[in-house]
Amino acid sequence: MKKVTVNEVEYEIIKDEGDAIDKDVLALKITDYFDDYDYIVGDWAYGKLRLKGFYDSDNKKHSKINDIVDLESYIENNCAYGCKWFQIRRIKENK
């Protein structure tokens, strides 16, 4: 399992199309807003990183617009064709 640590939080790298993960830029963009999501998807458009949170289908907070099963559709319809993008999942701490 490949991992990346951003702002002292560990994430599993699920997908990294085109070597899209830039830890320095990601550290500036990830805020506590994304803490609740199961996945974070980032794509590059016009030299800028855009982030979107997604939930697993069994998460009670998921809806059609943020269900991870629709990730492929999101990439096809909302991202620039052939763009660099990534999917990461926060590694939950065992308590």
C-alpha atoms as a PDB file:
ATOM      1  CA  MET A   1       0.000   0.000   0.000  1.00  0.00           C
ATOM      2  CA  LYS A   2       1.407   3.374  -1.025  1.00  0.00           C
ATOM      3  CA  LYS A   3       0.922   6.183   1.460  1.00  0.00           C
ATOM      4  CA  VAL A   4       1.311   9.925   1.623  1.00  0.00           C
ATOM      5  CA  THR A   5       1.417  12.063   4.758  1.00  0.00           C
ATOM      6  CA  VAL A   6      -0.075  15.543   4.508  1.00  0.00           C
ATOM      7  CA  ASN A   7      -0.332  17.925   7.459  1.00  0.00           C
ATOM      8  CA  GLU A   8       0.500  15.042   9.820  1.00  0.00           C
ATOM      9  CA  VAL A   9      -2.407  12.931   8.482  1.00  0.00           C
ATOM     10  CA  GLU A  10      -1.715   9.674   6.675  1.00  0.00           C
ATOM     11  CA  TYR A  11      -3.559   8.782   3.467  1.00  0.00           C
ATOM     12  CA  GLU A  12      -3.557   5.661   1.340  1.00  0.00           C
ATOM     13  CA  ILE A  13      -2.955   6.421  -2.337  1.00  0.00           C
ATOM     14  CA  ILE A  14      -5.673   4.610  -4.282  1.00  0.00           C
ATOM     15  CA  LYS A  15      -4.944   6.138  -7.706  1.00  0.00           C
ATOM     16  CA  ASP A  16      -2.339   8.614  -8.962  1.00  0.00           C
ATOM     17  CA  GLU A  17      -2.881   9.248 -12.672  1.00  0.00           C
ATOM     18  CA  GLY A  18      -0.048  11.180 -14.270  1.00  0.00           C
ATOM     19  CA  ASP A  19       1.944  11.615 -11.044  1.00  0.00           C
ATOM     20  CA  ALA A  20      -0.671  14.123  -9.868  1.00  0.00           C
ATOM     21  CA  ILE A  21       0.161  14.226  -6.158  1.00  0.00           C
ATOM     22  CA  ASP A  22       2.167  17.295  -5.167  1.00  0.00           C
ATOM     23  CA  LYS A  23       2.504  17.139  -1.371  1.00  0.00           C
ATOM     24  CA  ASP A  24       3.325  20.834  -1.000  1.00  0.00           C
ATOM     25  CA  VAL A  25       0.273  22.024  -2.933  1.00  0.00           C
ATOM     26  CA  LEU A  26      -1.911  19.377  -1.304  1.00  0.00           C
ATOM     27  CA  ALA A  27      -0.821  20.543   2.158  1.00  0.00           C
ATOM     28  CA  LEU A  28      -2.072  24.036   1.314  1.00  0.00           C
ATOM     29  CA  LYS A  29      -5.405  22.819  -0.087  1.00  0.00           C
ATOM     30  CA  ILE A  30      -6.486  20.135   2.405  1.00  0.00           C
ATOM     31  CA  THR A  31      -8.341  21.699   5.305  1.00  0.00           C
ATOM     32  CA  ASP A  32     -10.408  20.256   8.135  1.00  0.00           C
ATOM     33  CA  TYR A  33     -13.388  20.494   5.753  1.00  0.00           C
ATOM     34  CA  PHE A  34     -12.184  17.205   4.225  1.00  0.00           C
ATOM     35  CA  ASP A  35     -11.772  15.382   7.572  1.00  0.00           C
ATOM     36  CA  ASP A  36     -15.234  13.841   7.366  1.00  0.00           C
ATOM     37  CA  TYR A  37     -14.924  12.360   3.867  1.00  0.00           C
ATOM     38  CA  ASP A  38     -13.814   8.786   3.179  1.00  0.00           C
ATOM     39  CA  TYR A  39     -11.904   9.843   0.031  1.00  0.00           C
ATOM     40  CA  ILE A  40     -10.406  12.973  -1.438  1.00  0.00           C
ATOM     41  CA  VAL A  41     -10.081  13.275  -5.200  1.00  0.00           C
ATOM     42  CA  GLY A  42      -7.827  15.920  -6.705  1.00  0.00           C
ATOM     43  CA  ASP A  43      -7.483  16.992 -10.313  1.00  0.00           C
ATOM     44  CA  TRP A  44      -5.351  19.570 -12.046  1.00  0.00           C
ATOM     45  CA  ALA A  45      -6.992  22.180 -14.268  1.00  0.00           C
ATOM     46  CA  TYR A  46      -5.180  25.196 -15.690  1.00  0.00           C
ATOM     47  CA  GLY A  47      -2.259  24.664 -13.318  1.00  0.00           C
ATOM     48  CA  LYS A  48      -4.447  24.589 -10.209  1.00  0.00           C
ATOM     49  CA  LEU A  49      -5.364  21.699  -7.958  1.00  0.00           C
ATOM     50  CA  ARG A  50      -9.076  21.146  -7.320  1.00  0.00           C
ATOM     51  CA  LEU A  51     -10.261  18.855  -4.521  1.00  0.00           C
ATOM     52  CA  LYS A  52     -13.563  17.069  -3.938  1.00  0.00           C
ATOM     53  CA  GLY A  53     -14.631  14.796  -1.086  1.00  0.00           C
ATOM     54  CA  PHE A  54     -16.400  11.466  -1.598  1.00  0.00           C
ATOM     55  CA  TYR A  55     -18.051   8.910   0.681  1.00  0.00           C
ATOM     56  CA  ASP A  56     -18.305   5.142   0.549  1.00  0.00           C
ATOM     57  CA  SER A  57     -21.770   3.970  -0.519  1.00  0.00           C
ATOM     58  CA  ASP A  58     -22.454   2.571   2.943  1.00  0.00           C
ATOM     59  CA  ASN A  59     -21.677   5.875   4.658  1.00  0.00           C
ATOM     60  CA  LYS A  60     -24.920   7.459   5.873  1.00  0.00           C
ATOM     61  CA  LYS A  61     -23.694  10.868   4.643  1.00  0.00           C
ATOM     62  CA  HIS A  62     -23.266   9.817   1.012  1.00  0.00           C
ATOM     63  CA  SER A  63     -25.487  11.148  -1.752  1.00  0.00           C
ATOM     64  CA  LYS A  64     -25.491  10.817  -5.531  1.00  0.00           C
ATOM     65  CA  ILE A  65     -23.047  13.713  -5.988  1.00  0.00           C
ATOM     66  CA  ASN A  66     -20.444  12.406  -3.537  1.00  0.00           C
ATOM     67  CA  ASP A  67     -20.752   8.603  -3.804  1.00  0.00           C
ATOM     68  CA  ILE A  68     -17.382   7.075  -4.662  1.00  0.00           C
ATOM     69  CA  VAL A  69     -19.014   4.576  -7.036  1.00  0.00           C
ATOM     70  CA  ASP A  70     -19.658   7.541  -9.347  1.00  0.00           C
ATOM     71  CA  LEU A  71     -16.001   8.594  -9.401  1.00  0.00           C
ATOM     72  CA  GLU A  72     -15.446   7.588 -13.021  1.00  0.00           C
ATOM     73  CA  SER A  73     -18.426   9.679 -14.119  1.00  0.00           C
ATOM     74  CA  TYR A  74     -17.130  12.632 -12.092  1.00  0.00           C
ATOM     75  CA  ILE A  75     -13.708  12.392 -13.753  1.00  0.00           C
ATOM     76  CA  GLU A  76     -15.241  12.137 -17.241  1.00  0.00           C
ATOM     77  CA  ASN A  77     -17.798  14.924 -16.808  1.00  0.00           C
ATOM     78  CA  ASN A  78     -16.159  17.412 -14.446  1.00  0.00           C
ATOM     79  CA  CYS A  79     -12.443  17.223 -15.137  1.00  0.00           C
ATOM     80  CA  ALA A  80     -10.383  18.298 -18.121  1.00  0.00           C
ATOM     81  CA  TYR A  81      -9.838  15.489 -20.633  1.00  0.00           C
ATOM     82  CA  GLY A  82      -6.632  13.616 -19.883  1.00  0.00           C
ATOM     83  CA  CYS A  83      -5.894  15.647 -16.763  1.00  0.00           C
ATOM     84  CA  LYS A  84      -3.676  14.453 -13.966  1.00  0.00           C
ATOM     85  CA  TRP A  85      -5.744  13.292 -11.005  1.00  0.00           C
ATOM     86  CA  PHE A  86      -5.544  11.255  -7.813  1.00  0.00           C
ATOM     87  CA  GLN A  87      -7.699   9.498  -5.249  1.00  0.00           C
ATOM     88  CA  ILE A  88      -6.585   9.166  -1.631  1.00  0.00           C
ATOM     89  CA  ARG A  89      -8.266   7.662   1.427  1.00  0.00           C
ATOM     90  CA  ARG A  90      -7.650   8.840   4.965  1.00  0.00           C
ATOM     91  CA  ILE A  91      -6.209   6.044   7.085  1.00  0.00           C
ATOM     92  CA  LYS A  92      -8.391   5.808  10.157  1.00  0.00           C
ATOM     93  CA  GLU A  93      -6.618   5.640  13.469  1.00  0.00           C
ATOM     94  CA  ASN A  94      -7.351   2.602  15.596  1.00  0.00           C
ATOM     95  CA  LYS A  95      -8.465   3.730  19.025  1.00  0.00           C
END
